[in-house]
C-alpha atoms as a PDB file:
ATOM      1  CA  UNK A   1      59.502 105.677-130.202  1.00  0.00           C
ATOM      2  CA  UNK A   2      56.778 104.929-127.703  1.00  0.00           C
ATOM      3  CA  UNK A   3      59.573 103.996-125.300  1.00  0.00           C
ATOM      4  CA  UNK A   4      60.386 107.683-124.977  1.00  0.00           C
ATOM      5  CA  UNK A   5      56.738 108.581-124.385  1.00  0.00           C
ATOM      6  CA  UNK A   6      56.536 106.058-121.538  1.00  0.00           C
ATOM      7  CA  UNK A   7      59.831 107.351-120.134  1.00  0.00           C
ATOM      8  CA  UNK A   8      58.511 110.913-120.242  1.00  0.00           C
ATOM      9  CA  UNK A   9      55.404 109.782-118.341  1.00  0.00           C
ATOM     10  CA  UNK A  10      57.583 107.950-115.804  1.00  0.00           C
ATOM     11  CA  UNK A  11      59.720 111.039-115.247  1.00  0.00           C
ATOM     12  CA  UNK A  12      56.518 113.025-114.749  1.00  0.00           C
ATOM     13  CA  UNK A  13      55.369 110.668-111.990  1.00  0.00           C
ATOM     14  CA  UNK A  14      58.701 110.943-110.162  1.00  0.00           C
ATOM     15  CA  UNK A  15      58.615 114.730-110.446  1.00  0.00           C
ATOM     16  CA  UNK A  16      55.085 114.818-109.007  1.00  0.00           C
ATOM     17  CA  UNK A  17      56.134 112.568-106.124  1.00  0.00           C
ATOM     18  CA  UNK A  18      59.021 114.869-105.312  1.00  0.00           C
ATOM     19  CA  UNK A  19      56.891 118.009-105.625  1.00  0.00           C
ATOM     20  CA  UNK A  20      53.846 116.843-103.666  1.00  0.00           C
ATOM     21  CA  UNK A  21      54.477 113.786-101.473  1.00  0.00           C
ATOM     22  CA  UNK A  22      57.647 114.361 -99.445  1.00  0.00           C
ATOM     23  CA  UNK A  23      55.744 115.561 -96.373  1.00  0.00           C
ATOM     24  CA  UNK A  24      53.387 112.577 -96.467  1.00  0.00           C
ATOM     25  CA  UNK A  25      56.304 110.178 -96.986  1.00  0.00           C
ATOM     26  CA  UNK A  26      58.034 111.649 -93.924  1.00  0.00           C
ATOM     27  CA  UNK A  27      54.844 111.169 -91.853  1.00  0.00           C
ATOM     28  CA  UNK A  28      54.621 107.553 -92.985  1.00  0.00           C
ATOM     29  CA  UNK A  29      58.337 106.955 -92.371  1.00  0.00           C
ATOM     30  CA  UNK A  30      58.087 108.423 -88.868  1.00  0.00           C
ATOM     31  CA  UNK A  31      55.247 106.051 -87.952  1.00  0.00           C
ATOM     32  CA  UNK A  32      57.256 103.121 -89.320  1.00  0.00           C
ATOM     33  CA  UNK A  33      60.365 104.198 -87.438  1.00  0.00           C
ATOM     34  CA  UNK A  34      58.342 104.350 -84.213  1.00  0.00           C
ATOM     35  CA  UNK A  35      57.216 100.730 -84.725  1.00  0.00           C
ATOM     36  CA  UNK A  36      60.708  99.444 -85.498  1.00  0.00           C
ATOM     37  CA  UNK A  37      62.305 101.355 -82.606  1.00  0.00           C
ATOM     38  CA  UNK A  38      59.703  99.793 -80.280  1.00  0.00           C
ATOM     39  CA  UNK A  39      60.883  96.334 -81.374  1.00  0.00           C
ATOM     40  CA  UNK A  40      57.749  95.732 -83.429  1.00  0.00           C
ATOM     41  CA  UNK A  41      56.938  95.400 -87.124  1.00  0.00           C
ATOM     42  CA  UNK A  42      55.876  97.304 -90.187  1.00  0.00           C
ATOM     43  CA  UNK A  43      53.541  94.769 -91.825  1.00  0.00           C
ATOM     44  CA  UNK A  44      53.295  95.107 -95.601  1.00  0.00           C
ATOM     45  CA  UNK A  45      50.461  93.943 -97.844  1.00  0.00           C
ATOM     46  CA  UNK A  46      49.335  94.083-101.462  1.00  0.00           C
ATOM     47  CA  UNK A  47      47.545  92.010-104.094  1.00  0.00           C
ATOM     48  CA  UNK A  48      48.550  91.207-107.645  1.00  0.00           C
ATOM     49  CA  UNK A  49      51.086  93.688-108.987  1.00  0.00           C
ATOM     50  CA  UNK A  50      50.789  95.597-105.711  1.00  0.00           C
ATOM     51  CA  UNK A  51      52.777  92.772-104.114  1.00  0.00           C
ATOM     52  CA  UNK A  52      55.818  93.827-106.160  1.00  0.00           C
ATOM     53  CA  UNK A  53      56.703  96.683-103.768  1.00  0.00           C
ATOM     54  CA  UNK A  54      56.186  94.294-100.838  1.00  0.00           C
ATOM     55  CA  UNK A  55      58.589  91.756-102.347  1.00  0.00           C
ATOM     56  CA  UNK A  56      61.054  94.510-103.280  1.00  0.00           C
ATOM     57  CA  UNK A  57      61.634  95.817 -99.772  1.00  0.00           C
ATOM     58  CA  UNK A  58      62.721  92.813 -97.671  1.00  0.00           C
ATOM     59  CA  UNK A  59      64.688  90.609 -97.924  1.00  0.00           C
ATOM     60  CA  UNK A  60      66.604  92.958-100.190  1.00  0.00           C
ATOM     61  CA  UNK A  61      70.136  94.305-100.391  1.00  0.00           C
ATOM     62  CA  UNK A  62      70.059  97.758 -98.826  1.00  0.00           C
ATOM     63  CA  UNK A  63      66.972  97.224 -96.708  1.00  0.00           C
ATOM     64  CA  UNK A  64      66.873  96.211 -93.064  1.00  0.00           C
ATOM     65  CA  UNK A  65      64.971  94.156 -90.516  1.00  0.00           C
ATOM     66  CA  UNK A  66      61.639  95.648 -89.505  1.00  0.00           C
ATOM     67  CA  UNK A  67      59.417  95.029 -92.527  1.00  0.00           C
ATOM     68  CA  UNK A  68      57.215  91.923 -92.384  1.00  0.00           C
ATOM     69  CA  UNK A  69      55.559  90.835 -95.670  1.00  0.00           C
ATOM     70  CA  UNK A  70      52.016  89.485 -95.453  1.00  0.00           C
ATOM     71  CA  UNK A  71      52.193  87.755 -98.842  1.00  0.00           C
ATOM     72  CA  UNK A  72      49.273  85.435 -99.504  1.00  0.00           C
ATOM     73  CA  UNK A  73      50.171  83.002-102.303  1.00  0.00           C
ATOM     74  CA  UNK A  74      46.805  83.010-104.163  1.00  0.00           C
ATOM     75  CA  UNK A  75      46.973  86.824-104.244  1.00  0.00           C
ATOM     76  CA  UNK A  76      50.632  86.882-105.237  1.00  0.00           C
ATOM     77  CA  UNK A  77      51.323  83.967-107.568  1.00  0.00           C
ATOM     78  CA  UNK A  78      48.910  84.741-110.390  1.00  0.00           C
ATOM     79  CA  UNK A  79      51.269  84.190-113.323  1.00  0.00           C
ATOM     80  CA  UNK A  80      49.666  80.844-114.158  1.00  0.00           C
ATOM     81  CA  UNK A  81      47.119  83.001-116.060  1.00  0.00           C
ATOM     82  CA  UNK A  82      44.746  80.040-116.555  1.00  0.00           C
ATOM     83  CA  UNK A  83      44.207  76.778-114.687  1.00  0.00           C
ATOM     84  CA  UNK A  84      45.226  76.506-111.034  1.00  0.00           C
ATOM     85  CA  UNK A  85      45.600  79.929-109.344  1.00  0.00           C
ATOM     86  CA  UNK A  86      44.628  81.658-112.591  1.00  0.00           C
ATOM     87  CA  UNK A  87      43.539  85.244-113.144  1.00  0.00           C
ATOM     88  CA  UNK A  88      39.825  84.476-112.692  1.00  0.00           C
ATOM     89  CA  UNK A  89      40.417  83.035-109.217  1.00  0.00           C
ATOM     90  CA  UNK A  90      42.702  85.909-108.261  1.00  0.00           C
ATOM     91  CA  UNK A  91      40.138  88.544-109.271  1.00  0.00           C
ATOM     92  CA  UNK A  92      37.451  86.683-107.333  1.00  0.00           C
ATOM     93  CA  UNK A  93      39.548  86.405-104.177  1.00  0.00           C
ATOM     94  CA  UNK A  94      40.697  90.037-104.038  1.00  0.00           C
ATOM     95  CA  UNK A  95      37.051  91.134-104.254  1.00  0.00           C
ATOM     96  CA  UNK A  96      35.757  88.605-101.699  1.00  0.00           C
ATOM     97  CA  UNK A  97      34.852  90.047 -98.315  1.00  0.00           C
ATOM     98  CA  UNK A  98      36.058  88.011 -95.341  1.00  0.00           C
ATOM     99  CA  UNK A  99      39.222  86.666 -96.962  1.00  0.00           C
ATOM    100  CA  UNK A 100      41.324  89.440 -95.484  1.00  0.00           C
ATOM    101  CA  UNK A 101      39.951  88.709 -92.024  1.00  0.00           C
ATOM    102  CA  UNK A 102      41.068  85.088 -92.396  1.00  0.00           C
ATOM    103  CA  UNK A 103      44.576  86.220 -93.399  1.00  0.00           C
ATOM    104  CA  UNK A 104      44.890  88.436 -90.328  1.00  0.00           C
ATOM    105  CA  UNK A 105      43.898  85.647 -87.919  1.00  0.00           C
ATOM    106  CA  UNK A 106      47.311  84.052 -88.448  1.00  0.00           C
ATOM    107  CA  UNK A 107      49.326  86.698 -86.589  1.00  0.00           C
ATOM    108  CA  UNK A 108      49.725  88.145 -83.114  1.00  0.00           C
ATOM    109  CA  UNK A 109      49.591  91.872 -83.850  1.00  0.00           C
ATOM    110  CA  UNK A 110      50.278  94.718 -81.432  1.00  0.00           C
ATOM    111  CA  UNK A 111      49.156  98.343 -81.274  1.00  0.00           C
ATOM    112  CA  UNK A 112      52.818  99.358 -81.716  1.00  0.00           C
ATOM    113  CA  UNK A 113      52.834  97.729 -85.165  1.00  0.00           C
ATOM    114  CA  UNK A 114      51.743  99.537 -88.277  1.00  0.00           C
ATOM    115  CA  UNK A 115      50.346  98.254 -91.562  1.00  0.00           C
ATOM    116  CA  UNK A 116      51.641  99.470 -94.939  1.00  0.00           C
ATOM    117  CA  UNK A 117      49.226  98.632 -97.782  1.00  0.00           C
ATOM    118  CA  UNK A 118      49.757  99.138-101.510  1.00  0.00           C
ATOM    119  CA  UNK A 119      46.674  99.415-103.714  1.00  0.00           C
ATOM    120  CA  UNK A 120      46.265 101.397-106.911  1.00  0.00           C
ATOM    121  CA  UNK A 121      42.499 101.915-106.577  1.00  0.00           C
ATOM    122  CA  UNK A 122      41.865 101.108-102.909  1.00  0.00           C
ATOM    123  CA  UNK A 123      38.428  99.648-103.605  1.00  0.00           C
ATOM    124  CA  UNK A 124      38.843  95.866-103.352  1.00  0.00           C
ATOM    125  CA  UNK A 125      37.461  93.986-100.354  1.00  0.00           C
ATOM    126  CA  UNK A 126      40.511  91.977 -99.257  1.00  0.00           C
ATOM    127  CA  UNK A 127      42.636  95.107 -98.764  1.00  0.00           C
ATOM    128  CA  UNK A 128      39.838  96.806 -96.848  1.00  0.00           C
ATOM    129  CA  UNK A 129      39.339  93.723 -94.644  1.00  0.00           C
ATOM    130  CA  UNK A 130      43.052  93.725 -93.794  1.00  0.00           C
ATOM    131  CA  UNK A 131      42.985  97.447 -92.984  1.00  0.00           C
ATOM    132  CA  UNK A 132      39.897  97.142 -90.776  1.00  0.00           C
ATOM    133  CA  UNK A 133      41.435  94.240 -88.851  1.00  0.00           C
ATOM    134  CA  UNK A 134      44.628  96.230 -88.349  1.00  0.00           C
ATOM    135  CA  UNK A 135      42.657  99.140 -86.928  1.00  0.00           C
ATOM    136  CA  UNK A 136      40.905  96.769 -84.502  1.00  0.00           C
ATOM    137  CA  UNK A 137      44.378  95.993 -83.115  1.00  0.00           C
ATOM    138  CA  UNK A 138      45.151  99.697 -82.727  1.00  0.00           C
ATOM    139  CA  UNK A 139      47.676  99.712 -85.559  1.00  0.00           C
ATOM    140  CA  UNK A 140      48.283 102.742 -87.745  1.00  0.00           C
ATOM    141  CA  UNK A 141      47.246 102.047 -91.335  1.00  0.00           C
ATOM    142  CA  UNK A 142      49.407 103.580 -94.060  1.00  0.00           C
ATOM    143  CA  UNK A 143      48.115 103.378 -97.635  1.00  0.00           C
ATOM    144  CA  UNK A 144      50.050 104.078-100.833  1.00  0.00           C
ATOM    145  CA  UNK A 145      48.039 104.347-104.050  1.00  0.00           C
ATOM    146  CA  UNK A 146      46.287 106.596-106.529  1.00  0.00           C
ATOM    147  CA  UNK A 147      44.500 108.630-103.862  1.00  0.00           C
ATOM    148  CA  UNK A 148      44.044 111.741-105.970  1.00  0.00           C
ATOM    149  CA  UNK A 149      42.249 109.722-108.637  1.00  0.00           C
ATOM    150  CA  UNK A 150      40.308 107.215-106.520  1.00  0.00           C
ATOM    151  CA  UNK A 151      40.153 108.627-102.986  1.00  0.00           C
ATOM    152  CA  UNK A 152      36.447 109.424-103.299  1.00  0.00           C
ATOM    153  CA  UNK A 153      35.413 106.297-105.241  1.00  0.00           C
ATOM    154  CA  UNK A 154      32.952 103.745-103.839  1.00  0.00           C
ATOM    155  CA  UNK A 155      34.513 100.536-102.549  1.00  0.00           C
ATOM    156  CA  UNK A 156      33.556  96.902-103.150  1.00  0.00           C
ATOM    157  CA  UNK A 157      33.158  96.399 -99.406  1.00  0.00           C
ATOM    158  CA  UNK A 158      30.050  96.454 -97.232  1.00  0.00           C
ATOM    159  CA  UNK A 159      31.624  99.125 -95.020  1.00  0.00           C
ATOM    160  CA  UNK A 160      31.190 101.571 -97.875  1.00  0.00           C
ATOM    161  CA  UNK A 161      34.750 102.808 -97.276  1.00  0.00           C
ATOM    162  CA  UNK A 162      37.740 102.585 -99.565  1.00  0.00           C
ATOM    163  CA  UNK A 163      41.325 102.229 -98.338  1.00  0.00           C
ATOM    164  CA  UNK A 164      42.156 105.894 -98.586  1.00  0.00           C
ATOM    165  CA  UNK A 165      39.172 106.798 -96.404  1.00  0.00           C
ATOM    166  CA  UNK A 166      40.256 104.250 -93.761  1.00  0.00           C
ATOM    167  CA  UNK A 167      43.952 105.159 -93.668  1.00  0.00           C
ATOM    168  CA  UNK A 168      45.691 107.130 -90.950  1.00  0.00           C
ATOM    169  CA  UNK A 169      48.337 108.231 -93.459  1.00  0.00           C
ATOM    170  CA  UNK A 170      47.997 108.336 -97.264  1.00  0.00           C
ATOM    171  CA  UNK A 171      50.741 108.787 -99.827  1.00  0.00           C
ATOM    172  CA  UNK A 172      49.479 109.476-103.354  1.00  0.00           C
ATOM    173  CA  UNK A 173      51.240 107.519-106.093  1.00  0.00           C
ATOM    174  CA  UNK A 174      50.323 110.319-108.545  1.00  0.00           C
ATOM    175  CA  UNK A 175      49.365 107.670-111.126  1.00  0.00           C
ATOM    176  CA  UNK A 176      46.223 108.136-113.272  1.00  0.00           C
ATOM    177  CA  UNK A 177      43.347 105.764-112.576  1.00  0.00           C
ATOM    178  CA  UNK A 178      43.721 104.004-115.924  1.00  0.00           C
ATOM    179  CA  UNK A 179      47.378 103.241-114.983  1.00  0.00           C
ATOM    180  CA  UNK A 180      48.481 102.507-118.563  1.00  0.00           C
ATOM    181  CA  UNK A 181      49.844 105.718-120.073  1.00  0.00           C
ATOM    182  CA  UNK A 182      50.758 105.353-123.757  1.00  0.00           C
ATOM    183  CA  UNK A 183      48.113 105.437-126.528  1.00  0.00           C
ATOM    184  CA  UNK A 184      48.545 102.846-129.286  1.00  0.00           C
ATOM    185  CA  UNK A 185      47.245 103.416-132.799  1.00  0.00           C
ATOM    186  CA  UNK A 186      44.296 101.224-133.877  1.00  0.00           C
ATOM    187  CA  UNK A 187      43.672 100.172-130.255  1.00  0.00           C
ATOM    188  CA  UNK A 188      41.222 101.315-127.574  1.00  0.00           C
ATOM    189  CA  UNK A 189      43.406 100.432-124.577  1.00  0.00           C
ATOM    190  CA  UNK A 190      46.688 102.119-123.750  1.00  0.00           C
ATOM    191  CA  UNK A 191      49.955 100.304-122.930  1.00  0.00           C
ATOM    192  CA  UNK A 192      52.746 101.124-120.484  1.00  0.00           C
ATOM    193  CA  UNK A 193      51.433 101.169-116.880  1.00  0.00           C
ATOM    194  CA  UNK A 194      53.044 103.401-114.257  1.00  0.00           C
ATOM    195  CA  UNK A 195      51.825 102.164-110.872  1.00  0.00           C
ATOM    196  CA  UNK A 196      54.626  99.642-110.275  1.00  0.00           C
ATOM    197  CA  UNK A 197      57.308 102.219-111.045  1.00  0.00           C
ATOM    198  CA  UNK A 198      55.649 104.666-108.666  1.00  0.00           C
ATOM    199  CA  UNK A 199      55.222 102.076-105.902  1.00  0.00           C
ATOM    200  CA  UNK A 200      58.856 100.961-105.999  1.00  0.00           C
ATOM    201  CA  UNK A 201      60.046 104.579-106.134  1.00  0.00           C
ATOM    202  CA  UNK A 202      57.944 105.388-103.059  1.00  0.00           C
ATOM    203  CA  UNK A 203      59.216 102.284-101.251  1.00  0.00           C
ATOM    204  CA  UNK A 204      62.826 103.458-101.414  1.00  0.00           C
ATOM    205  CA  UNK A 205      61.985 107.088-100.729  1.00  0.00           C
ATOM    206  CA  UNK A 206      60.215 105.826 -97.607  1.00  0.00           C
ATOM    207  CA  UNK A 207      62.663 103.183 -96.406  1.00  0.00           C
ATOM    208  CA  UNK A 208      65.672 105.465 -96.774  1.00  0.00           C
ATOM    209  CA  UNK A 209      63.777 108.044 -94.725  1.00  0.00           C
ATOM    210  CA  UNK A 210      62.956 105.431 -92.065  1.00  0.00           C
ATOM    211  CA  UNK A 211      66.660 104.530 -91.955  1.00  0.00           C
ATOM    212  CA  UNK A 212      67.617 108.186 -91.590  1.00  0.00           C
ATOM    213  CA  UNK A 213      65.168 108.725 -88.719  1.00  0.00           C
ATOM    214  CA  UNK A 214      66.312 105.600 -86.856  1.00  0.00           C
ATOM    215  CA  UNK A 215      69.993 106.363 -87.359  1.00  0.00           C
ATOM    216  CA  UNK A 216      69.424 109.888 -85.984  1.00  0.00           C
ATOM    217  CA  UNK A 217      67.777 108.286 -82.941  1.00  0.00           C
ATOM    218  CA  UNK A 218      70.791 106.032 -82.404  1.00  0.00           C
ATOM    219  CA  UNK A 219      68.977 102.808 -83.335  1.00  0.00           C
ATOM    220  CA  UNK A 220      71.176 100.062 -84.782  1.00  0.00           C
ATOM    221  CA  UNK A 221      69.828  98.707 -88.080  1.00  0.00           C
ATOM    222  CA  UNK A 222      70.351  95.142 -89.244  1.00  0.00           C
ATOM    223  CA  UNK A 223      70.933  95.930 -92.904  1.00  0.00           C
ATOM    224  CA  UNK A 224      70.786  93.212 -95.557  1.00  0.00           C
ATOM    225  CA  UNK A 225      74.241  93.486 -97.194  1.00  0.00           C
ATOM    226  CA  UNK A 226      75.437  92.635-100.661  1.00  0.00           C
ATOM    227  CA  UNK A 227      77.373  89.380-100.422  1.00  0.00           C
ATOM    228  CA  UNK A 228      78.635  89.555-104.012  1.00  0.00           C
ATOM    229  CA  UNK A 229      81.297  92.245-103.667  1.00  0.00           C
ATOM    230  CA  UNK A 230      84.865  90.915-104.040  1.00  0.00           C
ATOM    231  CA  UNK A 231      87.047  91.703-101.051  1.00  0.00           C
ATOM    232  CA  UNK A 232      84.189  92.176 -98.539  1.00  0.00           C
ATOM    233  CA  UNK A 233      85.214  89.554 -95.997  1.00  0.00           C
ATOM    234  CA  UNK A 234      82.439  90.209 -93.450  1.00  0.00           C
ATOM    235  CA  UNK A 235      79.371  90.290 -95.705  1.00  0.00           C
ATOM    236  CA  UNK A 236      78.214  86.804 -94.770  1.00  0.00           C
ATOM    237  CA  UNK A 237      78.554  87.569 -91.058  1.00  0.00           C
ATOM    238  CA  UNK A 238      76.448  90.730 -91.497  1.00  0.00           C
ATOM    239  CA  UNK A 239      73.905  88.774 -93.517  1.00  0.00           C
ATOM    240  CA  UNK A 240      73.744  86.048 -90.842  1.00  0.00           C
ATOM    241  CA  UNK A 241      73.266  88.728 -88.168  1.00  0.00           C
ATOM    242  CA  UNK A 242      70.359  90.284 -90.098  1.00  0.00           C
ATOM    243  CA  UNK A 243      68.651  86.932 -90.630  1.00  0.00           C
ATOM    244  CA  UNK A 244      69.171  85.989 -86.972  1.00  0.00           C
ATOM    245  CA  UNK A 245      67.582  89.282 -85.893  1.00  0.00           C
ATOM    246  CA  UNK A 246      64.642  88.679 -88.209  1.00  0.00           C
ATOM    247  CA  UNK A 247      64.222  85.155 -86.868  1.00  0.00           C
ATOM    248  CA  UNK A 248      64.277  86.416 -83.288  1.00  0.00           C
ATOM    249  CA  UNK A 249      61.743  89.183 -83.936  1.00  0.00           C
ATOM    250  CA  UNK A 250      59.344  87.115 -86.035  1.00  0.00           C
ATOM    251  CA  UNK A 251      58.746  84.774 -83.092  1.00  0.00           C
ATOM    252  CA  UNK A 252      56.538  87.436 -81.470  1.00  0.00           C
ATOM    253  CA  UNK A 253      54.055  86.971 -84.318  1.00  0.00           C
END
């Protein structure tokens, strides 16, 4: 079964992450913890399927206040395929220089913030625009993607830089450039991509490490609780407290 081949490839990615990226994840988590402890934000950004890790982390059971998604609808909602907000428009927008600058104009950033970007290849203009704007504000830029495969590739941006070259901290997703991993007979293209699995794995490796660092520093975390567990009589109060904290903090943006 090709299912087992994909699963073998997925296990291989997780093993590579564990073997090679723990130090980089701890560096990234420390920078994020510094921002959250200072009362500021970890801003998160991605395009297309790279928005999946952004949407996974908050609001989410088991995560906590401190992560602010910069989700731009035309770069996120591309499941129309054709017609309004179709794939052709999405591909055009993510490669269009200047769009990222317009996105960043909407927020009041601070040098104590940091920016966490997900991009498999790191070459598209909108991600690079967002990273460059973040650096103008003095923010640390943290990039997760296929750095080992694409870290030296030319970008689609006039700066000539790709995301990995701009980042202060890079965590390699360990995913091959082609992303899809399973050959299919009678077909040129492979099936079974790995980047989403790697991104979501890295998200929880990172966020749990951020939580550990902050807890060791004595920082109280507003954790998003499960409110579906029978017998938990305070879940809604804890949920309300987390949302209230988010609402209070987001006003500074």
